[in-house]
Amino acid sequence: MSKRLAPVFILAFAAACSSEVESDLSAVESQPAVSLSDLVAAERHDATPPDSPHRISISQKEIELDGQTIVELDGRKLPQKASGDPGIALLRYRLESAQGKAGAVLRVHANASWGVLARVLATLEQLRIAPVLFEVRKDLDGNVGYLALGDVEIDASGEPKPFQGALQKEWDQVVSLWEAMSNACSGRGAVHCPSPSKNVPVKKGGLAELELFVQQDAMRVRFQRFFLGDDPDPAPVKKRKPKKDEPEVPEPEPVAEIEFMWRREAAHVTGSPIGDMLKPLCGSERCGVVLRSPGLASAGSMIRLLAAAHPAGTGLPYVRVVIPPDA
């Protein structure tokens, strides 16, 4: 279903520890799981957190709730005992036990895994905890802002399904805006900004799934056509075979998905081409977006892509989180 994304670079991780002096150990243990320098930098940071939220930190090693370690991770992944449920049972129990809390603020290490973040979001959705905000760095001076998620829903099936109301996008609407989105796609970090071709037919009818995807240094926004029931535009009937001396010219496959791709740097610039590309479709109307990536993809990259796709002044992102099968 998904296109192949070749690795562009390899993330390196390092950890240091000391056991020489007990006071040194105490100092390390008192540090937060995710420090300010670990936070994701995001252009959108205009939300206001609730007065007394649940505070969840996700690092490469652990999940903390209000300063207490809830789950120790195994190689940036949840341990085997935590698998099987879209949510995280122990985190859910601790959240249910907390008194006088409203909403949640997530402090996510830039190199934490997307699979763990997805399972934390699933836990919050199971308990109907809202609003959900990410704590992010908003400038080079270390000032902190908040990126809000308007709504979150969880999908453990991975199958395309329609959003409702204004969030639902018709495939034909996406196709009609394809040229404008292609023109806006180019810019810093752009890798693939396809334009419609007169020589390649495009499927008609059906709905469009808007997907955000990250893997290593690549960021992708993809529109995929799908439909409920019978295909309104079935595959064309194959034409006759060529005669003996005629060259065989293969028929081009009708377009049923459109994808735009950037390097990660595209999400770090003011006026990102990612937001510009989506503006014709999502600038005046709120969009529903599907977040789908491998479990060990960078959670920081997904947050950056989400913020770049929904710059300040646009509607809050409504996200459908697809739980990675390897999370």
Protein backbone atom coordinates (compact mmCIF):
# COMPACT_ATOMS: atom_id res chain seq x y z
CA MET A 1 0.00 0.00 0.00
CA SER A 2 2.76 2.38 0.81
CA LYS A 3 5.58 3.53 -1.44
CA ARG A 4 9.14 2.60 -0.57
CA LEU A 5 11.16 5.29 1.17
CA ALA A 6 14.90 4.82 0.90
CA PRO A 7 16.90 5.66 4.06
CA VAL A 8 18.56 9.05 3.81
CA PHE A 9 20.39 9.11 7.06
CA ILE A 10 20.72 7.06 10.23
CA LEU A 11 19.78 8.49 13.59
CA ALA A 12 22.46 7.93 16.22
CA PHE A 13 21.67 7.63 19.88
CA ALA A 14 24.05 7.96 22.82
CA ALA A 15 23.66 7.55 26.57
CA ALA A 16 26.07 8.28 29.39
CA CYS A 17 26.01 7.22 33.00
CA SER A 18 28.17 7.37 36.08
CA SER A 19 28.11 5.33 39.25
CA GLU A 20 31.18 6.74 40.96
CA VAL A 21 29.43 9.00 43.45
CA GLU A 22 25.99 8.55 44.96
CA SER A 23 25.24 12.26 44.66
CA ASP A 24 25.90 12.05 40.92
CA LEU A 25 23.33 9.28 40.64
CA SER A 26 20.79 11.30 42.60
CA ALA A 27 21.33 14.26 40.29
CA VAL A 28 20.76 12.09 37.20
CA GLU A 29 17.63 10.50 38.66
CA SER A 30 16.16 13.90 39.52
CA GLN A 31 16.41 15.13 35.92
CA PRO A 32 13.24 15.03 33.83
CA ALA A 33 12.88 12.21 31.30
CA VAL A 34 12.68 14.81 28.53
CA SER A 35 14.65 18.03 28.97
CA LEU A 36 14.04 21.30 27.16
CA SER A 37 16.81 20.62 24.65
CA ASP A 38 15.18 17.27 23.77
CA LEU A 39 11.87 18.87 22.81
CA VAL A 40 10.60 19.02 19.26
CA ALA A 41 10.88 22.41 17.55
CA ALA A 42 7.59 23.31 15.84
CA GLU A 43 6.34 26.37 14.03
CA ARG A 44 2.83 26.08 15.44
CA HIS A 45 2.84 26.72 19.18
CA ASP A 46 -0.14 28.99 19.84
CA ALA A 47 -2.32 26.83 22.13
CA THR A 48 -2.99 27.45 25.84
CA PRO A 49 -2.73 24.42 28.15
CA PRO A 50 -5.43 23.67 30.74
CA ASP A 51 -4.82 24.69 34.36
CA SER A 52 -4.10 21.24 35.78
CA PRO A 53 -3.34 18.73 33.02
CA HIS A 54 -1.90 15.25 33.15
CA ARG A 55 1.77 15.71 32.26
CA ILE A 56 3.22 12.83 30.27
CA SER A 57 6.85 12.57 29.18
CA ILE A 58 7.98 10.11 26.51
CA SER A 59 11.71 9.59 26.12
CA GLN A 60 13.72 6.88 24.38
CA LYS A 61 13.86 4.95 27.67
CA GLU A 62 10.61 5.48 29.57
CA ILE A 63 7.15 6.95 29.91
CA GLU A 64 6.58 9.26 32.87
CA LEU A 65 3.32 10.54 34.31
CA ASP A 66 3.56 13.64 36.50
CA GLY A 67 7.25 12.96 37.16
CA GLN A 68 6.93 9.26 38.01
CA THR A 69 8.15 6.47 35.72
CA ILE A 70 5.21 4.35 34.54
CA VAL A 71 6.79 2.15 31.86
CA GLU A 72 10.44 1.43 31.11
CA LEU A 73 10.94 0.96 27.37
CA ASP A 74 12.87 -1.78 25.63
CA GLY A 75 14.96 -0.34 22.79
CA ARG A 76 12.54 2.58 22.21
CA LYS A 77 9.63 0.12 22.14
CA LEU A 78 7.05 -0.95 24.67
CA PRO A 79 8.00 -4.18 26.47
CA GLN A 80 6.22 -7.34 25.38
CA LYS A 81 3.97 -7.34 28.45
CA ALA A 82 2.43 -4.05 27.33
CA SER A 83 1.47 -5.33 23.86
CA GLY A 84 -1.95 -6.44 22.63
CA ASP A 85 -4.06 -3.43 23.60
CA PRO A 86 -4.08 -0.24 21.53
CA GLY A 87 -3.67 1.60 24.84
CA ILE A 88 -1.17 1.02 27.64
CA ALA A 89 -2.88 -0.67 30.59
CA LEU A 90 -0.67 0.63 33.41
CA LEU A 91 -0.73 4.19 32.08
CA ARG A 92 -4.50 4.00 31.78
CA TYR A 93 -4.80 2.80 35.40
CA ARG A 94 -2.61 5.64 36.68
CA LEU A 95 -4.51 8.23 34.65
CA GLU A 96 -7.82 6.95 36.01
CA SER A 97 -6.43 7.19 39.56
CA ALA A 98 -5.31 10.81 39.21
CA GLN A 99 -7.62 13.36 40.82
CA GLY A 100 -8.44 16.91 39.74
CA LYS A 101 -6.77 16.68 36.32
CA ALA A 102 -8.11 17.93 32.98
CA GLY A 103 -6.56 17.38 29.57
CA ALA A 104 -3.01 16.25 28.88
CA VAL A 105 0.30 17.90 27.99
CA LEU A 106 2.82 15.62 26.28
CA ARG A 107 6.54 16.33 26.45
CA VAL A 108 8.05 14.11 23.75
CA HIS A 109 11.75 13.55 23.11
CA ALA A 110 12.52 14.32 19.47
CA ASN A 111 13.98 10.81 19.06
CA ALA A 112 11.24 8.91 20.89
CA SER A 113 9.43 6.34 18.74
CA TRP A 114 6.19 6.99 16.92
CA GLY A 115 4.82 3.60 18.02
CA VAL A 116 5.06 4.50 21.72
CA LEU A 117 3.53 7.95 21.13
CA ALA A 118 0.68 6.36 19.17
CA ARG A 119 -0.08 3.98 22.04
CA VAL A 120 -0.04 6.86 24.56
CA LEU A 121 -2.49 8.79 22.36
CA ALA A 122 -4.66 5.65 22.19
CA THR A 123 -4.71 5.50 26.00
CA LEU A 124 -5.81 9.14 26.25
CA GLU A 125 -8.52 8.57 23.65
CA GLN A 126 -9.81 5.49 25.50
CA LEU A 127 -10.31 7.64 28.61
CA ARG A 128 -11.72 10.58 26.60
CA ILE A 129 -9.02 12.86 27.99
CA ALA A 130 -9.00 16.16 26.10
CA PRO A 131 -7.57 18.52 25.08
CA VAL A 132 -4.24 16.96 24.13
CA LEU A 133 -1.29 19.30 23.58
CA PHE A 134 2.37 18.81 22.73
CA GLU A 135 4.94 20.92 24.54
CA VAL A 136 7.30 22.23 21.84
CA ARG A 137 10.20 24.65 21.43
CA LYS A 138 9.04 27.76 19.59
CA ASP A 139 12.34 29.62 19.14
CA LEU A 140 16.11 29.34 19.53
CA ASP A 141 16.00 31.00 22.96
CA GLY A 142 14.44 27.96 24.61
CA ASN A 143 10.94 29.38 24.99
CA VAL A 144 8.16 26.81 25.11
CA GLY A 145 4.82 26.80 23.32
CA TYR A 146 2.01 24.29 22.84
CA LEU A 147 0.73 22.50 19.74
CA ALA A 148 -2.88 21.39 20.19
CA LEU A 149 -4.69 18.46 18.64
CA GLY A 150 -8.30 19.35 17.96
CA ASP A 151 -9.58 15.78 18.10
CA VAL A 152 -7.98 12.35 18.19
CA GLU A 153 -9.38 9.02 17.09
CA ILE A 154 -7.60 5.68 17.04
CA ASP A 155 -7.55 3.14 14.22
CA ALA A 156 -6.10 -0.31 14.86
CA SER A 157 -7.30 -1.71 11.51
CA GLY A 158 -5.28 0.48 9.17
CA GLU A 159 -8.02 0.42 6.53
CA PRO A 160 -9.15 3.67 4.86
CA LYS A 161 -12.48 4.93 6.13
CA PRO A 162 -14.26 8.25 5.58
CA PHE A 163 -14.14 11.26 7.84
CA GLN A 164 -17.51 12.94 8.39
CA GLY A 165 -18.91 16.34 7.42
CA ALA A 166 -16.48 19.03 6.31
CA LEU A 167 -13.58 16.74 7.20
CA GLN A 168 -14.55 14.37 4.40
CA LYS A 169 -12.73 15.11 1.13
CA GLU A 170 -13.84 13.93 -2.28
CA TRP A 171 -11.15 12.45 -4.54
CA ASP A 172 -12.35 14.65 -7.43
CA GLN A 173 -11.87 17.73 -5.23
CA VAL A 174 -8.27 16.74 -4.55
CA VAL A 175 -7.67 16.15 -8.28
CA SER A 176 -9.11 19.58 -9.14
CA LEU A 177 -6.56 21.19 -6.77
CA TRP A 178 -3.64 19.02 -7.80
CA GLU A 179 -1.95 21.61 -10.00
CA ALA A 180 -2.20 24.35 -7.35
CA MET A 181 -0.81 22.00 -4.68
CA SER A 182 2.04 20.98 -6.96
CA ASN A 183 3.02 24.60 -7.55
CA ALA A 184 3.06 25.29 -3.80
CA CYS A 185 4.99 22.12 -2.95
CA SER A 186 8.35 23.29 -4.29
CA GLY A 187 10.65 24.96 -1.81
CA ARG A 188 13.31 24.16 0.72
CA GLY A 189 13.58 20.43 1.25
CA ALA A 190 11.24 19.48 -1.61
CA VAL A 191 11.94 16.05 -3.13
CA HIS A 192 8.82 15.08 -5.09
CA CYS A 193 6.19 17.56 -6.28
CA PRO A 194 4.32 15.78 -9.09
CA SER A 195 2.08 17.62 -11.55
CA PRO A 196 -0.92 16.11 -13.35
CA SER A 197 -0.14 14.71 -16.80
CA LYS A 198 -2.33 14.97 -19.87
CA ASN A 199 -1.10 11.57 -20.97
CA VAL A 200 -2.02 9.66 -17.81
CA PRO A 201 -5.68 9.15 -16.91
CA VAL A 202 -6.91 9.84 -13.40
CA LYS A 203 -9.47 7.76 -11.56
CA LYS A 204 -12.76 9.53 -10.91
CA GLY A 205 -15.17 9.45 -7.99
CA GLY A 206 -14.74 8.08 -4.50
CA LEU A 207 -13.22 9.61 -1.40
CA ALA A 208 -9.68 10.71 -0.53
CA GLU A 209 -7.60 9.74 2.48
CA LEU A 210 -5.07 12.41 3.50
CA GLU A 211 -2.07 10.69 5.09
CA LEU A 212 0.99 12.07 6.88
CA PHE A 213 3.93 9.67 6.91
CA VAL A 214 7.53 9.89 8.17
CA GLN A 215 10.48 7.55 7.93
CA GLN A 216 14.06 8.53 8.71
CA ASP A 217 14.74 11.82 6.84
CA ALA A 218 11.64 11.64 4.61
CA MET A 219 8.28 13.34 5.13
CA ARG A 220 5.35 12.50 2.90
CA VAL A 221 1.83 13.80 2.38
CA ARG A 222 -0.25 11.37 0.34
CA PHE A 223 -3.78 11.46 -1.03
CA GLN A 224 -5.14 7.98 -1.69
CA ARG A 225 -8.41 7.31 -3.43
CA PHE A 226 -10.80 4.83 -1.84
CA PHE A 227 -14.49 4.09 -2.05
CA LEU A 228 -17.28 2.40 -0.14
CA GLY A 229 -19.16 -0.25 -2.07
CA ASP A 230 -18.75 -0.55 -5.83
CA ASP A 231 -15.93 1.35 -7.51
CA PRO A 232 -17.51 4.34 -9.32
CA ASP A 233 -14.68 4.24 -11.87
CA PRO A 234 -13.68 0.60 -12.46
CA ALA A 235 -10.55 -0.38 -14.35
CA PRO A 236 -10.96 0.17 -18.10
CA VAL A 237 -11.51 -2.79 -20.40
CA LYS A 238 -8.24 -3.81 -22.01
CA LYS A 239 -7.98 -2.90 -25.66
CA ARG A 240 -7.36 -5.44 -28.39
CA LYS A 241 -3.96 -7.02 -28.74
CA PRO A 242 -1.76 -5.43 -31.40
CA LYS A 243 -1.45 -7.10 -34.77
CA LYS A 244 1.60 -9.15 -35.60
CA ASP A 245 3.90 -6.31 -36.69
CA GLU A 246 2.50 -3.58 -34.38
CA PRO A 247 4.54 -2.57 -31.32
CA GLU A 248 2.75 -3.21 -28.05
CA VAL A 249 2.22 0.03 -26.13
CA PRO A 250 1.17 -0.57 -22.51
CA GLU A 251 -1.77 1.44 -21.27
CA PRO A 252 -0.78 3.84 -18.44
CA GLU A 253 -2.18 2.88 -15.06
CA PRO A 254 -4.87 5.39 -14.00
CA VAL A 255 -3.78 7.59 -11.11
CA ALA A 256 -5.37 6.57 -7.80
CA GLU A 257 -2.95 8.27 -5.39
CA ILE A 258 -0.94 11.48 -5.32
CA GLU A 259 2.03 11.90 -3.02
CA PHE A 260 4.31 14.82 -2.18
CA MET A 261 7.62 14.33 -0.44
CA TRP A 262 10.19 16.48 1.36
CA ARG A 263 13.29 16.08 3.43
CA ARG A 264 12.76 16.79 7.12
CA GLU A 265 14.29 20.26 6.85
CA ALA A 266 11.11 21.42 5.06
CA ALA A 267 9.26 21.31 8.39
CA HIS A 268 11.77 23.64 10.07
CA VAL A 269 11.24 26.79 8.03
CA THR A 270 8.75 29.60 8.49
CA GLY A 271 6.22 29.40 5.70
CA SER A 272 6.93 25.70 5.15
CA PRO A 273 6.13 24.36 1.65
CA ILE A 274 4.25 21.55 3.40
CA GLY A 275 1.66 23.98 4.78
CA ASP A 276 1.62 25.91 1.49
CA MET A 277 0.92 22.70 -0.42
CA LEU A 278 -2.09 21.82 1.76
CA LYS A 279 -3.48 25.36 1.87
CA PRO A 280 -5.67 25.04 -1.28
CA LEU A 281 -7.48 22.10 0.34
CA CYS A 282 -7.19 22.73 4.08
CA GLY A 283 -6.54 26.48 4.35
CA SER A 284 -10.17 27.55 4.74
CA GLU A 285 -11.73 24.20 5.71
CA ARG A 286 -10.47 21.96 8.45
CA CYS A 287 -9.02 18.65 7.25
CA GLY A 288 -8.93 15.24 8.83
CA VAL A 289 -5.51 13.65 8.54
CA VAL A 290 -4.32 10.09 9.04
CA LEU A 291 -1.02 9.64 10.90
CA ARG A 292 0.56 6.41 9.66
CA SER A 293 4.24 5.45 10.05
CA PRO A 294 6.42 2.53 11.20
CA GLY A 295 6.61 2.01 14.93
CA LEU A 296 10.27 3.03 15.22
CA ALA A 297 9.89 6.16 13.12
CA SER A 298 10.74 9.40 14.90
CA ALA A 299 7.88 10.80 16.97
CA GLY A 300 9.58 14.18 16.68
CA SER A 301 9.41 14.05 12.89
CA MET A 302 5.70 13.25 12.99
CA ILE A 303 5.02 16.17 15.35
CA ARG A 304 7.06 18.50 13.11
CA LEU A 305 5.19 17.32 10.01
CA LEU A 306 1.83 17.72 11.74
CA ALA A 307 2.71 21.28 12.82
CA ALA A 308 4.07 22.23 9.39
CA ALA A 309 0.92 20.90 7.71
CA HIS A 310 -1.29 22.98 10.03
CA PRO A 311 0.46 26.35 10.44
CA ALA A 312 -0.91 29.01 12.78
CA GLY A 313 -4.11 30.50 11.41
CA THR A 314 -5.50 27.22 10.07
CA GLY A 315 -7.95 24.91 11.82
CA LEU A 316 -6.72 22.60 14.56
CA PRO A 317 -5.66 19.24 13.16
CA TYR A 318 -8.20 16.43 13.50
CA VAL A 319 -6.07 13.30 13.54
CA ARG A 320 -6.73 9.61 13.08
CA VAL A 321 -3.83 7.72 14.62
CA VAL A 322 -3.11 4.37 12.95
CA ILE A 323 -1.49 2.07 15.48
CA PRO A 324 1.65 0.62 13.86
CA PRO A 325 1.53 -3.20 13.75
CA ASP A 326 5.10 -3.23 15.09
CA ALA A 327 4.37 -0.90 18.05
